[in-house]
Amino acid sequence: EGRYCAVPISHRATLGEVVDLLQSFHSQPQTLLIPQIPTGSFAKKLY
């Protein structure tokens, strides 16, 4: 019965965590390593 509306899914992360994930994505062509990206995770959406 809330007055406002909201998207029920959001994610919390620090700037450092965001940058570290992005750096791992950037290095993937060299390492061939796909980071852990579980269904619905922030990492999957950021990738």
ModelCIF file with pLDDT and N, C-alpha, C, O atoms, coordinates in Angstrom:
data_MODEL
#
_entry.id   MODEL 
#
_entity.id                         1 
_entity.type                       polymer 
_entity.pdbx_number_of_molecules   1 
#
_entity_poly.entity_id                      1 
_entity_poly.type                           'polypeptide(L)' 
_entity_poly.nstd_linkage                   no 
_entity_poly.nstd_monomer                   no 
_entity_poly.pdbx_seq_one_letter_code       EGRYCAVPISHRATLGEVVDLLQSFHSQPQTLLIPQIPTGSFAKKLY 
_entity_poly.pdbx_seq_one_letter_code_can   EGRYCAVPISHRATLGEVVDLLQSFHSQPQTLLIPQIPTGSFAKKLY 
_entity_poly.pdbx_strand_id                 A 
#
loop_
_entity_poly_seq.entity_id 
_entity_poly_seq.num 
_entity_poly_seq.mon_id 
_entity_poly_seq.hetero 
1 1  GLU n 
1 2  GLY n 
1 3  ARG n 
1 4  TYR n 
1 5  CYS n 
1 6  ALA n 
1 7  VAL n 
1 8  PRO n 
1 9  ILE n 
1 10 SER n 
1 11 HIS n 
1 12 ARG n 
1 13 ALA n 
1 14 THR n 
1 15 LEU n 
1 16 GLY n 
1 17 GLU n 
1 18 VAL n 
1 19 VAL n 
1 20 ASP n 
1 21 LEU n 
1 22 LEU n 
1 23 GLN n 
1 24 SER n 
1 25 PHE n 
1 26 HIS n 
1 27 SER n 
1 28 GLN n 
1 29 PRO n 
1 30 GLN n 
1 31 THR n 
1 32 LEU n 
1 33 LEU n 
1 34 ILE n 
1 35 PRO n 
1 36 GLN n 
1 37 ILE n 
1 38 PRO n 
1 39 THR n 
1 40 GLY n 
1 41 SER n 
1 42 PHE n 
1 43 ALA n 
1 44 LYS n 
1 45 LYS n 
1 46 LEU n 
1 47 TYR n 
#
_struct_asym.id          A 
_struct_asym.entity_id   1 
#
loop_
_ma_qa_metric.id 
_ma_qa_metric.mode 
_ma_qa_metric.name 
_ma_qa_metric.software_group_id 
_ma_qa_metric.type 
1 global pLDDT . pLDDT 
2 local  pLDDT . pLDDT 
#
_ma_qa_metric_global.metric_id      1 
_ma_qa_metric_global.metric_value   96.70 
_ma_qa_metric_global.model_id       1 
_ma_qa_metric_global.ordinal_id     1 
#
loop_
_ma_qa_metric_local.label_asym_id 
_ma_qa_metric_local.label_comp_id 
_ma_qa_metric_local.label_seq_id 
_ma_qa_metric_local.metric_id 
_ma_qa_metric_local.metric_value 
_ma_qa_metric_local.model_id 
_ma_qa_metric_local.ordinal_id 
A GLU 1  2 95.00 1 1  
A GLY 2  2 97.00 1 2  
A ARG 3  2 96.00 1 3  
A TYR 4  2 97.00 1 4  
A CYS 5  2 97.00 1 5  
A ALA 6  2 97.00 1 6  
A VAL 7  2 98.00 1 7  
A PRO 8  2 97.00 1 8  
A ILE 9  2 97.00 1 9  
A SER 10 2 97.00 1 10 
A HIS 11 2 97.00 1 11 
A ARG 12 2 97.00 1 12 
A ALA 13 2 97.00 1 13 
A THR 14 2 97.00 1 14 
A LEU 15 2 96.00 1 15 
A GLY 16 2 97.00 1 16 
A GLU 17 2 98.00 1 17 
A VAL 18 2 98.00 1 18 
A VAL 19 2 97.00 1 19 
A ASP 20 2 97.00 1 20 
A LEU 21 2 97.00 1 21 
A LEU 22 2 98.00 1 22 
A GLN 23 2 97.00 1 23 
A SER 24 2 97.00 1 24 
A PHE 25 2 97.00 1 25 
A HIS 26 2 98.00 1 26 
A SER 27 2 97.00 1 27 
A GLN 28 2 97.00 1 28 
A PRO 29 2 97.00 1 29 
A GLN 30 2 96.00 1 30 
A THR 31 2 96.00 1 31 
A LEU 32 2 97.00 1 32 
A LEU 33 2 96.00 1 33 
A ILE 34 2 94.00 1 34 
A PRO 35 2 92.00 1 35 
A GLN 36 2 93.00 1 36 
A ILE 37 2 94.00 1 37 
A PRO 38 2 95.00 1 38 
A THR 39 2 96.00 1 39 
A GLY 40 2 97.00 1 40 
A SER 41 2 97.00 1 41 
A PHE 42 2 98.00 1 42 
A ALA 43 2 98.00 1 43 
A LYS 44 2 98.00 1 44 
A LYS 45 2 98.00 1 45 
A LEU 46 2 98.00 1 46 
A TYR 47 2 98.00 1 47 
#
loop_
_atom_site.group_PDB 
_atom_site.id 
_atom_site.type_symbol 
_atom_site.label_atom_id 
_atom_site.label_alt_id 
_atom_site.label_comp_id 
_atom_site.label_asym_id 
_atom_site.label_entity_id 
_atom_site.label_seq_id 
_atom_site.pdbx_PDB_ins_code 
_atom_site.Cartn_x 
_atom_site.Cartn_y 
_atom_site.Cartn_z 
_atom_site.occupancy 
_atom_site.B_iso_or_equiv 
_atom_site.pdbx_formal_charge 
_atom_site.auth_seq_id 
_atom_site.auth_comp_id 
_atom_site.auth_asym_id 
_atom_site.auth_atom_id 
_atom_site.pdbx_PDB_model_num 
ATOM 1   N N  . GLU A 1 1  ? 0.820  -1.211  0.000   1.00 95.00 ? 1  GLU A N  1 
ATOM 2   C CA . GLU A 1 1  ? 0.000  0.000   0.000   1.00 95.00 ? 1  GLU A CA 1 
ATOM 3   C C  . GLU A 1 1  ? 0.856  1.264   0.000   1.00 95.00 ? 1  GLU A C  1 
ATOM 4   O O  . GLU A 1 1  ? 0.357  2.343   0.318   1.00 95.00 ? 1  GLU A O  1 
ATOM 5   N N  . GLY A 1 2  ? 2.108  1.150   -0.343  1.00 97.00 ? 2  GLY A N  1 
ATOM 6   C CA . GLY A 1 2  ? 2.998  2.297   -0.316  1.00 97.00 ? 2  GLY A CA 1 
ATOM 7   C C  . GLY A 1 2  ? 2.597  3.392   -1.296  1.00 97.00 ? 2  GLY A C  1 
ATOM 8   O O  . GLY A 1 2  ? 1.985  3.132   -2.332  1.00 97.00 ? 2  GLY A O  1 
ATOM 9   N N  . ARG A 1 3  ? 2.953  4.617   -0.945  1.00 96.00 ? 3  ARG A N  1 
ATOM 10  C CA . ARG A 1 3  ? 2.614  5.760   -1.798  1.00 96.00 ? 3  ARG A CA 1 
ATOM 11  C C  . ARG A 1 3  ? 3.440  5.754   -3.080  1.00 96.00 ? 3  ARG A C  1 
ATOM 12  O O  . ARG A 1 3  ? 2.957  6.137   -4.146  1.00 96.00 ? 3  ARG A O  1 
ATOM 13  N N  . TYR A 1 4  ? 4.681  5.318   -2.962  1.00 97.00 ? 4  TYR A N  1 
ATOM 14  C CA . TYR A 1 4  ? 5.596  5.320   -4.102  1.00 97.00 ? 4  TYR A CA 1 
ATOM 15  C C  . TYR A 1 4  ? 5.648  3.936   -4.747  1.00 97.00 ? 4  TYR A C  1 
ATOM 16  O O  . TYR A 1 4  ? 5.082  2.968   -4.239  1.00 97.00 ? 4  TYR A O  1 
ATOM 17  N N  . CYS A 1 5  ? 6.341  3.873   -5.872  1.00 97.00 ? 5  CYS A N  1 
ATOM 18  C CA . CYS A 1 5  ? 6.584  2.601   -6.546  1.00 97.00 ? 5  CYS A CA 1 
ATOM 19  C C  . CYS A 1 5  ? 8.088  2.372   -6.639  1.00 97.00 ? 5  CYS A C  1 
ATOM 20  O O  . CYS A 1 5  ? 8.874  3.315   -6.544  1.00 97.00 ? 5  CYS A O  1 
ATOM 21  N N  . ALA A 1 6  ? 8.482  1.122   -6.825  1.00 97.00 ? 6  ALA A N  1 
ATOM 22  C CA . ALA A 1 6  ? 9.910  0.803   -6.864  1.00 97.00 ? 6  ALA A CA 1 
ATOM 23  C C  . ALA A 1 6  ? 10.154 -0.442  -7.694  1.00 97.00 ? 6  ALA A C  1 
ATOM 24  O O  . ALA A 1 6  ? 9.285  -1.304  -7.824  1.00 97.00 ? 6  ALA A O  1 
ATOM 25  N N  . VAL A 1 7  ? 11.346 -0.520  -8.251  1.00 98.00 ? 7  VAL A N  1 
ATOM 26  C CA . VAL A 1 7  ? 11.808 -1.754  -8.879  1.00 98.00 ? 7  VAL A CA 1 
ATOM 27  C C  . VAL A 1 7  ? 12.315 -2.647  -7.750  1.00 98.00 ? 7  VAL A C  1 
ATOM 28  O O  . VAL A 1 7  ? 13.167 -2.214  -6.975  1.00 98.00 ? 7  VAL A O  1 
ATOM 29  N N  . PRO A 1 8  ? 11.820 -3.874  -7.631  1.00 97.00 ? 8  PRO A N  1 
ATOM 30  C CA . PRO A 1 8  ? 12.158 -4.690  -6.459  1.00 97.00 ? 8  PRO A CA 1 
ATOM 31  C C  . PRO A 1 8  ? 13.584 -5.229  -6.442  1.00 97.00 ? 8  PRO A C  1 
ATOM 32  O O  . PRO A 1 8  ? 14.022 -5.784  -5.435  1.00 97.00 ? 8  PRO A O  1 
ATOM 33  N N  . ILE A 1 9  ? 14.309 -5.071  -7.542  1.00 97.00 ? 9  ILE A N  1 
ATOM 34  C CA . ILE A 1 9  ? 15.673 -5.596  -7.634  1.00 97.00 ? 9  ILE A CA 1 
ATOM 35  C C  . ILE A 1 9  ? 16.648 -4.437  -7.821  1.00 97.00 ? 9  ILE A C  1 
ATOM 36  O O  . ILE A 1 9  ? 16.521 -3.661  -8.768  1.00 97.00 ? 9  ILE A O  1 
ATOM 37  N N  . SER A 1 10 ? 17.607 -4.324  -6.932  1.00 97.00 ? 10 SER A N  1 
ATOM 38  C CA . SER A 1 10 ? 18.717 -3.388  -7.115  1.00 97.00 ? 10 SER A CA 1 
ATOM 39  C C  . SER A 1 10 ? 19.954 -4.024  -6.497  1.00 97.00 ? 10 SER A C  1 
ATOM 40  O O  . SER A 1 10 ? 19.866 -5.064  -5.844  1.00 97.00 ? 10 SER A O  1 
ATOM 41  N N  . HIS A 1 11 ? 21.096 -3.401  -6.702  1.00 97.00 ? 11 HIS A N  1 
ATOM 42  C CA . HIS A 1 11 ? 22.362 -3.974  -6.242  1.00 97.00 ? 11 HIS A CA 1 
ATOM 43  C C  . HIS A 1 11 ? 23.171 -2.906  -5.523  1.00 97.00 ? 11 HIS A C  1 
ATOM 44  O O  . HIS A 1 11 ? 23.081 -1.720  -5.840  1.00 97.00 ? 11 HIS A O  1 
ATOM 45  N N  . ARG A 1 12 ? 23.956 -3.343  -4.558  1.00 97.00 ? 12 ARG A N  1 
ATOM 46  C CA . ARG A 1 12 ? 24.839 -2.431  -3.835  1.00 97.00 ? 12 ARG A CA 1 
ATOM 47  C C  . ARG A 1 12 ? 26.282 -2.844  -4.071  1.00 97.00 ? 12 ARG A C  1 
ATOM 48  O O  . ARG A 1 12 ? 26.638 -4.016  -3.948  1.00 97.00 ? 12 ARG A O  1 
ATOM 49  N N  . ALA A 1 13 ? 27.097 -1.869  -4.408  1.00 97.00 ? 13 ALA A N  1 
ATOM 50  C CA . ALA A 1 13 ? 28.513 -2.132  -4.666  1.00 97.00 ? 13 ALA A CA 1 
ATOM 51  C C  . ALA A 1 13 ? 29.293 -0.856  -4.412  1.00 97.00 ? 13 ALA A C  1 
ATOM 52  O O  . ALA A 1 13 ? 28.747 0.242   -4.515  1.00 97.00 ? 13 ALA A O  1 
ATOM 53  N N  . THR A 1 14 ? 30.559 -0.997  -4.081  1.00 97.00 ? 14 THR A N  1 
ATOM 54  C CA . THR A 1 14 ? 31.428 0.168   -3.937  1.00 97.00 ? 14 THR A CA 1 
ATOM 55  C C  . THR A 1 14 ? 32.050 0.496   -5.292  1.00 97.00 ? 14 THR A C  1 
ATOM 56  O O  . THR A 1 14 ? 32.079 -0.338  -6.197  1.00 97.00 ? 14 THR A O  1 
ATOM 57  N N  . LEU A 1 15 ? 32.543 1.716   -5.410  1.00 96.00 ? 15 LEU A N  1 
ATOM 58  C CA . LEU A 1 15 ? 33.231 2.093   -6.642  1.00 96.00 ? 15 LEU A CA 1 
ATOM 59  C C  . LEU A 1 15 ? 34.410 1.161   -6.905  1.00 96.00 ? 15 LEU A C  1 
ATOM 60  O O  . LEU A 1 15 ? 34.671 0.786   -8.047  1.00 96.00 ? 15 LEU A O  1 
ATOM 61  N N  . GLY A 1 16 ? 35.116 0.793   -5.842  1.00 97.00 ? 16 GLY A N  1 
ATOM 62  C CA . GLY A 1 16 ? 36.253 -0.113  -6.008  1.00 97.00 ? 16 GLY A CA 1 
ATOM 63  C C  . GLY A 1 16 ? 35.829 -1.456  -6.556  1.00 97.00 ? 16 GLY A C  1 
ATOM 64  O O  . GLY A 1 16 ? 36.509 -2.012  -7.419  1.00 97.00 ? 16 GLY A O  1 
ATOM 65  N N  . GLU A 1 17 ? 34.713 -1.992  -6.071  1.00 98.00 ? 17 GLU A N  1 
ATOM 66  C CA . GLU A 1 17 ? 34.222 -3.279  -6.573  1.00 98.00 ? 17 GLU A CA 1 
ATOM 67  C C  . GLU A 1 17 ? 33.822 -3.184  -8.036  1.00 98.00 ? 17 GLU A C  1 
ATOM 68  O O  . GLU A 1 17 ? 34.087 -4.099  -8.815  1.00 98.00 ? 17 GLU A O  1 
ATOM 69  N N  . VAL A 1 18 ? 33.188 -2.085  -8.411  1.00 98.00 ? 18 VAL A N  1 
ATOM 70  C CA . VAL A 1 18 ? 32.798 -1.884  -9.808  1.00 98.00 ? 18 VAL A CA 1 
ATOM 71  C C  . VAL A 1 18 ? 34.032 -1.863  -10.709 1.00 98.00 ? 18 VAL A C  1 
ATOM 72  O O  . VAL A 1 18 ? 34.072 -2.540  -11.737 1.00 98.00 ? 18 VAL A O  1 
ATOM 73  N N  . VAL A 1 19 ? 35.029 -1.087  -10.316 1.00 97.00 ? 19 VAL A N  1 
ATOM 74  C CA . VAL A 1 19 ? 36.241 -0.959  -11.131 1.00 97.00 ? 19 VAL A CA 1 
ATOM 75  C C  . VAL A 1 19 ? 36.977 -2.289  -11.226 1.00 97.00 ? 19 VAL A C  1 
ATOM 76  O O  . VAL A 1 19 ? 37.458 -2.649  -12.300 1.00 97.00 ? 19 VAL A O  1 
ATOM 77  N N  . ASP A 1 20 ? 37.073 -3.017  -10.132 1.00 97.00 ? 20 ASP A N  1 
ATOM 78  C CA . ASP A 1 20 ? 37.774 -4.310  -10.152 1.00 97.00 ? 20 ASP A CA 1 
ATOM 79  C C  . ASP A 1 20 ? 37.087 -5.289  -11.101 1.00 97.00 ? 20 ASP A C  1 
ATOM 80  O O  . ASP A 1 20 ? 37.756 -6.000  -11.852 1.00 97.00 ? 20 ASP A O  1 
ATOM 81  N N  . LEU A 1 21 ? 35.769 -5.328  -11.070 1.00 97.00 ? 21 LEU A N  1 
ATOM 82  C CA . LEU A 1 21 ? 35.045 -6.197  -11.998 1.00 97.00 ? 21 LEU A CA 1 
ATOM 83  C C  . LEU A 1 21 ? 35.306 -5.785  -13.442 1.00 97.00 ? 21 LEU A C  1 
ATOM 84  O O  . LEU A 1 21 ? 35.559 -6.634  -14.297 1.00 97.00 ? 21 LEU A O  1 
ATOM 85  N N  . LEU A 1 22 ? 35.245 -4.485  -13.712 1.00 98.00 ? 22 LEU A N  1 
ATOM 86  C CA . LEU A 1 22 ? 35.451 -4.008  -15.078 1.00 98.00 ? 22 LEU A CA 1 
ATOM 87  C C  . LEU A 1 22 ? 36.865 -4.331  -15.564 1.00 98.00 ? 22 LEU A C  1 
ATOM 88  O O  . LEU A 1 22 ? 37.057 -4.666  -16.732 1.00 98.00 ? 22 LEU A O  1 
ATOM 89  N N  . GLN A 1 23 ? 37.837 -4.232  -14.686 1.00 97.00 ? 23 GLN A N  1 
ATOM 90  C CA . GLN A 1 23 ? 39.207 -4.576  -15.072 1.00 97.00 ? 23 GLN A CA 1 
ATOM 91  C C  . GLN A 1 23 ? 39.324 -6.062  -15.393 1.00 97.00 ? 23 GLN A C  1 
ATOM 92  O O  . GLN A 1 23 ? 40.068 -6.441  -16.297 1.00 97.00 ? 23 GLN A O  1 
ATOM 93  N N  . SER A 1 24 ? 38.600 -6.906  -14.664 1.00 97.00 ? 24 SER A N  1 
ATOM 94  C CA . SER A 1 24 ? 38.630 -8.343  -14.968 1.00 97.00 ? 24 SER A CA 1 
ATOM 95  C C  . SER A 1 24 ? 37.972 -8.633  -16.313 1.00 97.00 ? 24 SER A C  1 
ATOM 96  O O  . SER A 1 24 ? 38.418 -9.514  -17.047 1.00 97.00 ? 24 SER A O  1 
ATOM 97  N N  . PHE A 1 25 ? 36.915 -7.896  -16.635 1.00 97.00 ? 25 PHE A N  1 
ATOM 98  C CA . PHE A 1 25 ? 36.287 -8.070  -17.953 1.00 97.00 ? 25 PHE A CA 1 
ATOM 99  C C  . PHE A 1 25 ? 37.252 -7.634  -19.053 1.00 97.00 ? 25 PHE A C  1 
ATOM 100 O O  . PHE A 1 25 ? 37.355 -8.272  -20.100 1.00 97.00 ? 25 PHE A O  1 
ATOM 101 N N  . HIS A 1 26 ? 37.950 -6.538  -18.792 1.00 98.00 ? 26 HIS A N  1 
ATOM 102 C CA . HIS A 1 26 ? 38.884 -5.985  -19.785 1.00 98.00 ? 26 HIS A CA 1 
ATOM 103 C C  . HIS A 1 26 ? 40.020 -6.958  -20.083 1.00 98.00 ? 26 HIS A C  1 
ATOM 104 O O  . HIS A 1 26 ? 40.515 -7.011  -21.209 1.00 98.00 ? 26 HIS A O  1 
ATOM 105 N N  . SER A 1 27 ? 40.435 -7.730  -19.076 1.00 97.00 ? 27 SER A N  1 
ATOM 106 C CA . SER A 1 27 ? 41.568 -8.643  -19.258 1.00 97.00 ? 27 SER A CA 1 
ATOM 107 C C  . SER A 1 27 ? 41.157 -9.993  -19.832 1.00 97.00 ? 27 SER A C  1 
ATOM 108 O O  . SER A 1 27 ? 42.023 -10.816 -20.128 1.00 97.00 ? 27 SER A O  1 
ATOM 109 N N  . GLN A 1 28 ? 39.865 -10.242 -19.996 1.00 97.00 ? 28 GLN A N  1 
ATOM 110 C CA . GLN A 1 28 ? 39.400 -11.559 -20.434 1.00 97.00 ? 28 GLN A CA 1 
ATOM 111 C C  . GLN A 1 28 ? 40.011 -12.015 -21.760 1.00 97.00 ? 28 GLN A C  1 
ATOM 112 O O  . GLN A 1 28 ? 40.359 -13.191 -21.865 1.00 97.00 ? 28 GLN A O  1 
ATOM 113 N N  . PRO A 1 29 ? 40.165 -11.167 -22.775 1.00 97.00 ? 29 PRO A N  1 
ATOM 114 C CA . PRO A 1 29 ? 40.793 -11.645 -24.014 1.00 97.00 ? 29 PRO A CA 1 
ATOM 115 C C  . PRO A 1 29 ? 42.220 -12.156 -23.823 1.00 97.00 ? 29 PRO A C  1 
ATOM 116 O O  . PRO A 1 29 ? 42.690 -12.982 -24.605 1.00 97.00 ? 29 PRO A O  1 
ATOM 117 N N  . GLN A 1 30 ? 42.906 -11.675 -22.798 1.00 96.00 ? 30 GLN A N  1 
ATOM 118 C CA . GLN A 1 30 ? 44.268 -12.150 -22.529 1.00 96.00 ? 30 GLN A CA 1 
ATOM 119 C C  . GLN A 1 30 ? 44.259 -13.405 -21.644 1.00 96.00 ? 30 GLN A C  1 
ATOM 120 O O  . GLN A 1 30 ? 45.008 -14.346 -21.903 1.00 96.00 ? 30 GLN A O  1 
ATOM 121 N N  . THR A 1 31 ? 43.430 -13.423 -20.622 1.00 96.00 ? 31 THR A N  1 
ATOM 122 C CA . THR A 1 31 ? 43.417 -14.553 -19.686 1.00 96.00 ? 31 THR A CA 1 
ATOM 123 C C  . THR A 1 31 ? 42.477 -15.672 -20.122 1.00 96.00 ? 31 THR A C  1 
ATOM 124 O O  . THR A 1 31 ? 42.621 -16.815 -19.689 1.00 96.00 ? 31 THR A O  1 
ATOM 125 N N  . LEU A 1 32 ? 41.511 -15.339 -20.982 1.00 97.00 ? 32 LEU A N  1 
ATOM 126 C CA . LEU A 1 32 ? 40.422 -16.234 -21.402 1.00 97.00 ? 32 LEU A CA 1 
ATOM 127 C C  . LEU A 1 32 ? 39.495 -16.594 -20.242 1.00 97.00 ? 32 LEU A C  1 
ATOM 128 O O  . LEU A 1 32 ? 38.589 -17.412 -20.398 1.00 97.00 ? 32 LEU A O  1 
ATOM 129 N N  . LEU A 1 33 ? 39.725 -15.982 -19.080 1.00 96.00 ? 33 LEU A N  1 
ATOM 130 C CA . LEU A 1 33 ? 38.967 -16.328 -17.879 1.00 96.00 ? 33 LEU A CA 1 
ATOM 131 C C  . LEU A 1 33 ? 37.661 -15.546 -17.812 1.00 96.00 ? 33 LEU A C  1 
ATOM 132 O O  . LEU A 1 33 ? 37.665 -14.315 -17.790 1.00 96.00 ? 33 LEU A O  1 
ATOM 133 N N  . ILE A 1 34 ? 36.543 -16.270 -17.779 1.00 94.00 ? 34 ILE A N  1 
ATOM 134 C CA . ILE A 1 34 ? 35.228 -15.667 -17.593 1.00 94.00 ? 34 ILE A CA 1 
ATOM 135 C C  . ILE A 1 34 ? 34.961 -15.567 -16.094 1.00 94.00 ? 34 ILE A C  1 
ATOM 136 O O  . ILE A 1 34 ? 34.952 -16.592 -15.412 1.00 94.00 ? 34 ILE A O  1 
ATOM 137 N N  . PRO A 1 35 ? 34.742 -14.367 -15.562 1.00 92.00 ? 35 PRO A N  1 
ATOM 138 C CA . PRO A 1 35 ? 34.472 -14.235 -14.120 1.00 92.00 ? 35 PRO A CA 1 
ATOM 139 C C  . PRO A 1 35 ? 33.178 -14.943 -13.739 1.00 92.00 ? 35 PRO A C  1 
ATOM 140 O O  . PRO A 1 35 ? 32.364 -15.281 -14.598 1.00 92.00 ? 35 PRO A O  1 
ATOM 141 N N  . GLN A 1 36 ? 33.002 -15.159 -12.461 1.00 93.00 ? 36 GLN A N  1 
ATOM 142 C CA . GLN A 1 36 ? 31.759 -15.743 -11.987 1.00 93.00 ? 36 GLN A CA 1 
ATOM 143 C C  . GLN A 1 36 ? 30.614 -14.766 -12.236 1.00 93.00 ? 36 GLN A C  1 
ATOM 144 O O  . GLN A 1 36 ? 30.650 -13.628 -11.767 1.00 93.00 ? 36 GLN A O  1 
ATOM 145 N N  . ILE A 1 37 ? 29.606 -15.208 -12.970 1.00 94.00 ? 37 ILE A N  1 
ATOM 146 C CA . ILE A 1 37 ? 28.469 -14.351 -13.302 1.00 94.00 ? 37 ILE A CA 1 
ATOM 147 C C  . ILE A 1 37 ? 27.166 -15.133 -13.082 1.00 94.00 ? 37 ILE A C  1 
ATOM 148 O O  . ILE A 1 37 ? 26.482 -15.483 -14.043 1.00 94.00 ? 37 ILE A O  1 
ATOM 149 N N  . PRO A 1 38 ? 26.827 -15.404 -11.815 1.00 95.00 ? 38 PRO A N  1 
ATOM 150 C CA . PRO A 1 38 ? 25.595 -16.155 -11.527 1.00 95.00 ? 38 PRO A CA 1 
ATOM 151 C C  . PRO A 1 38 ? 24.356 -15.433 -12.059 1.00 95.00 ? 38 PRO A C  1 
ATOM 152 O O  . PRO A 1 38 ? 24.358 -14.216 -12.242 1.00 95.00 ? 38 PRO A O  1 
ATOM 153 N N  . THR A 1 39 ? 23.320 -16.196 -12.297 1.00 96.00 ? 39 THR A N  1 
ATOM 154 C CA . THR A 1 39 ? 22.056 -15.639 -12.766 1.00 96.00 ? 39 THR A CA 1 
ATOM 155 C C  . THR A 1 39 ? 21.564 -14.549 -11.818 1.00 96.00 ? 39 THR A C  1 
ATOM 156 O O  . THR A 1 39 ? 21.500 -14.750 -10.605 1.00 96.00 ? 39 THR A O  1 
ATOM 157 N N  . GLY A 1 40 ? 21.221 -13.404 -12.380 1.00 97.00 ? 40 GLY A N  1 
ATOM 158 C CA . GLY A 1 40 ? 20.678 -12.310 -11.582 1.00 97.00 ? 40 GLY A CA 1 
ATOM 159 C C  . GLY A 1 40 ? 21.709 -11.493 -10.837 1.00 97.00 ? 40 GLY A C  1 
ATOM 160 O O  . GLY A 1 40 ? 21.352 -10.536 -10.150 1.00 97.00 ? 40 GLY A O  1 
ATOM 161 N N  . SER A 1 41 ? 22.988 -11.845 -10.953 1.00 97.00 ? 41 SER A N  1 
ATOM 162 C CA . SER A 1 41 ? 24.014 -11.152 -10.180 1.00 97.00 ? 41 SER A CA 1 
ATOM 163 C C  . SER A 1 41 ? 24.368 -9.802  -10.780 1.00 97.00 ? 41 SER A C  1 
ATOM 164 O O  . SER A 1 41 ? 24.164 -9.558  -11.969 1.00 97.00 ? 41 SER A O  1 
ATOM 165 N N  . PHE A 1 42 ? 24.900 -8.933  -9.937  1.00 98.00 ? 42 PHE A N  1 
ATOM 166 C CA . PHE A 1 42 ? 25.390 -7.633  -10.405 1.00 98.00 ? 42 PHE A CA 1 
ATOM 167 C C  . PHE A 1 42 ? 26.509 -7.824  -11.415 1.00 98.00 ? 42 PHE A C  1 
ATOM 168 O O  . PHE A 1 42 ? 26.571 -7.102  -12.410 1.00 98.00 ? 42 PHE A O  1 
ATOM 169 N N  . ALA A 1 43 ? 27.401 -8.793  -11.174 1.00 98.00 ? 43 ALA A N  1 
ATOM 170 C CA . ALA A 1 43 ? 28.525 -9.031  -12.083 1.00 98.00 ? 43 ALA A CA 1 
ATOM 171 C C  . ALA A 1 43 ? 28.034 -9.376  -13.483 1.00 98.00 ? 43 ALA A C  1 
ATOM 172 O O  . ALA A 1 43 ? 28.590 -8.898  -14.472 1.00 98.00 ? 43 ALA A O  1 
ATOM 173 N N  . LYS A 1 44 ? 27.003 -10.199 -13.572 1.00 98.00 ? 44 LYS A N  1 
ATOM 174 C CA . LYS A 1 44 ? 26.476 -10.588 -14.886 1.00 98.00 ? 44 LYS A CA 1 
ATOM 175 C C  . LYS A 1 44 ? 25.917 -9.378  -15.632 1.00 98.00 ? 44 LYS A C  1 
ATOM 176 O O  . LYS A 1 44 ? 26.150 -9.216  -16.830 1.00 98.00 ? 44 LYS A O  1 
ATOM 177 N N  . LYS A 1 45 ? 25.182 -8.537  -14.920 1.00 98.00 ? 45 LYS A N  1 
ATOM 178 C CA . LYS A 1 45 ? 24.577 -7.365  -15.541 1.00 98.00 ? 45 LYS A CA 1 
ATOM 179 C C  . LYS A 1 45 ? 25.637 -6.334  -15.921 1.00 98.00 ? 45 LYS A C  1 
ATOM 180 O O  . LYS A 1 45 ? 25.537 -5.680  -16.959 1.00 98.00 ? 45 LYS A O  1 
ATOM 181 N N  . LEU A 1 46 ? 26.653 -6.195  -15.068 1.00 98.00 ? 46 LEU A N  1 
ATOM 182 C CA . LEU A 1 46 ? 27.727 -5.247  -15.365 1.00 98.00 ? 46 LEU A CA 1 
ATOM 183 C C  . LEU A 1 46 ? 28.541 -5.713  -16.565 1.00 98.00 ? 46 LEU A C  1 
ATOM 184 O O  . LEU A 1 46 ? 28.972 -4.889  -17.372 1.00 98.00 ? 46 LEU A O  1 
ATOM 185 N N  . TYR A 1 47 ? 28.757 -7.018  -16.697 1.00 98.00 ? 47 TYR A N  1 
ATOM 186 C CA . TYR A 1 47 ? 29.512 -7.549  -17.840 1.00 98.00 ? 47 TYR A CA 1 
ATOM 187 C C  . TYR A 1 47 ? 28.779 -7.226  -19.147 1.00 98.00 ? 47 TYR A C  1 
ATOM 188 O O  . TYR A 1 47 ? 29.252 -7.587  -20.225 1.00 98.00 ? 47 TYR A O  1 
#
